[in-house]
Each structure stands twice: as C-alpha cells, then as structure tokens.
Amino acid sequence: MDPITAFVIATLMMLLNGGILGLIHRDLPEGLRPAAFSWRLGTLLVAGGCVLLAVQHALPPGFVLPLANALLMLGLTAYWRALRQFDGLPESLHLLWPAFIGSLGIGWFSAVRPDLAARVMFASVTWLVLFIACARVLHRGGGSDPARSRRALLGLFLFLALFMLLRGGYFAVAAHSVADILDGRSWMNMATPLVAAILPVIGTTAFLLMCSERIRRQWEHAALTDALTGLANRRTLTRVGSERLSRALTEQRAFALAVVDVDHFKSINDRYGHDVGDIALRHVADTLASSASPGTLPGRQGGEEFVVLLDADPARAQQEAEQLRNAIRDARFRAGEHELQITVSIGITHCTATDRHLDDLLRRADQALYAAKSGGRDRVVAA
C-alpha cells in the first residue's frame, strides 16, 4: 500500500466516524452537544487536510501544503476545544495560536524557502504541542471524572505525541533521502496517515464513551438526589439510614436521626409565592449541607421537611442539632427587597437496642418535632 492509498483509507474512516457522531448529535444532552460538535468539526477538518495531502501533486505546493496543514492543525485545535468544553472550561482565542504559528511556518517553508525537513519539523512540533495540550486537559479533569474512557483517550494523545517526536527526529536525520511525504520508499510516510487516523477513529469512540459515562453518572445522581435542593432524596435517606442503623445495632455504634421542619413555611409561600418558597428551601438545604459535620448526611424528606442522619451519641447529636438550628436562624435570606429570618424546629432521637427499622426512629423523631412545634418552634427537642 502506498502513502496516497493510506491517506484515502484514513480519510474514509474519519468521515465515517464524523458521520456517526453527527447522527447521534441530537440524542446527546444539551450540555454535551457543544463538545460533540467541536469534536465532529475537528474530525472533518482533519479529514479535509488528509484529502489535500493526498492530492498535493496536482496542486501548487505553495498553496496546498499550507492549507492542508492548517486544516489538520485546526482540526486538532477543535479536539482541544471539545475536551475543554466537555470539562466546562472557558472559551479562549489563545487556542488558535499553535495552529496559526504552525501554518505560518509551513507556508514559509513551502512557498518562500521550500525545505521538507523544516516543514515537517514545524508540523510535528505544532502537532506535539496540541497533543500535549489535549492530554493536559484530560489529566487535569481526571480527578473529578475517573472514567476509563478518559484515561484511554489520555493514553492515546500521549502515544500520538510520542509518535510526533519520532517523526520529527526521523525527518531531521533522513530528509535528504525522502522526496516528500508521499514518497513510498519511507516507512514513516506509510505509518503517518495510519497513525493520524487513530485519533479520529479510536479517539472518537473513546470520546463517545466519555459522553456515555457522563450521562450515566448524571442519571445516577438524579436518582439519588432531590431535584430542588441537591440534597439526598428520600430514597437515599432510607437506604443509607437503614444501613447505618443495621451497622449501629450489630457493631454497637452510636446513631441518631433528626427531622428538621421549616417554621411557618406556608406563610412564606402565601405571602411571597412558591418561587420564593423554593428558594427558601434551597437556602435551608445549603445551610444544612455547609454546617453539617463530616459523616453527617442531610437530605430532603419532602415538602419543607428534612432529615439528618448523624453517627453520634445522644449528647453529640443534640449539640449538632442545635448548631444546625442556629446556623439556619443566623443565615441571611432575602426575598426580593425583604430580608427574612428563617427558623426551623428539630426533633431528634437515637437508636436503641429495640429498634429494627428506620421507621422506628422516624416515628419518634416526628413526635419530638411535634413537641418542638407545640413548644414555640425554633428549638430542638429530643425524643
């Protein structure tokens, strides 16, 4: 197989992958579509560059070589942008600098002072910079996104960066024996289009798997959290609470449960509207989450009622419940031009040897909450 055939095969593979990504674009969540569009654009740009390289003998070299390499470099820049969009990084025109400088260098050594070795070195260094930039984005986001597909794509970019180092070194030494990048006598010319196709083909597969993993985690998060407040939902509270109760009974550990209810919440809804009521619930939830000690799990039971799971003995649980109550009372909350003081009543209980189900604790905590409400609200009562 000659280099021209290799370029044609590589281009067809890229176009097929770009087409598949285009077909599934609308099936992706809106948050992933910008990154998917940039990745698809990168694939099409790289394919266009490969086409021009394959037909370079039919066009003036001073025109076709800078244009082909510009398309290739812009394609890699689009991959870089796609990864940044995937991780939620800001847009920046600085991403275009490597492609701009590389294109200028290749244009100079193609049209003004033709020099194959210098041209390939410029291209290899530019590709190397872009590959490392993509790998850096993948590495930096790996802490919050441990997907295997991400690590695979990172390894792919590092492999391509290593290949670019090898290619630059090869042409620095053997350029005198190679007519151009379509010279079939050079094994490097045979390998380059095939290696270049790895990114649009295998890389696109890895990128789609990254998207799939992100969607899966989002669905899992949605299933375990309350949509309004972001706290654990009732399902999660029941599962985790039952697990902690079972562990407390079998290992004789301390475990307590608190039910938190927003005081006079109906009056907030009636006076300011349900939108302000929702904001008030988020305010309470944020305060609970930020004020809770490590290991304490706050969640929303429903309506204006929250549940807090505490791995603490009765005295420590009472103390922490008071801290949560004070934190909510002291936190400022504004509804339009009005500043409101939100308070909560809390009923708390701890597990005993006779408890068998989480409902036993919830029932006692509800009774204690009723006593807190009857006693004047804005207080903690232990069952």
Foldseek 3Di string as FASTA:
>chain_A
DFLLVLLVVLLVLLVVLLVVLVVCLVVFPPLLNQLSVLLSQLSNLLSVLSVLVSCVVVDQQLPSVLSSLLSNLSSLLSNLVSLCSVVPHDDDPVSCVLSVVLSVQLSCCRPPNPDQLSNLLSSLVSLLVSLVSSLVSLVVCCVVQVDVLSVVLSVLSVVSSVVSVVRSVCCVPCVVVAPHLRGRVDPNSNVVSVSVSCCSNVVSVSVVVSSVVVVVVVVVQPVQADPLQSAGEQVNCQVVVLVVLVCCLVVVFKKKKKKKAKPPLVVCCVPQNVVLSSVLLNLLSVLCVVLDDPPKGKGAHDDRMIMIIDRDHPVVVQVSVLSSQVSQQPDWDDRVPDIDGIGIEMFMEIDDNPDDHVVVNVVNRVVQSVVCVVVPGSYYGYD
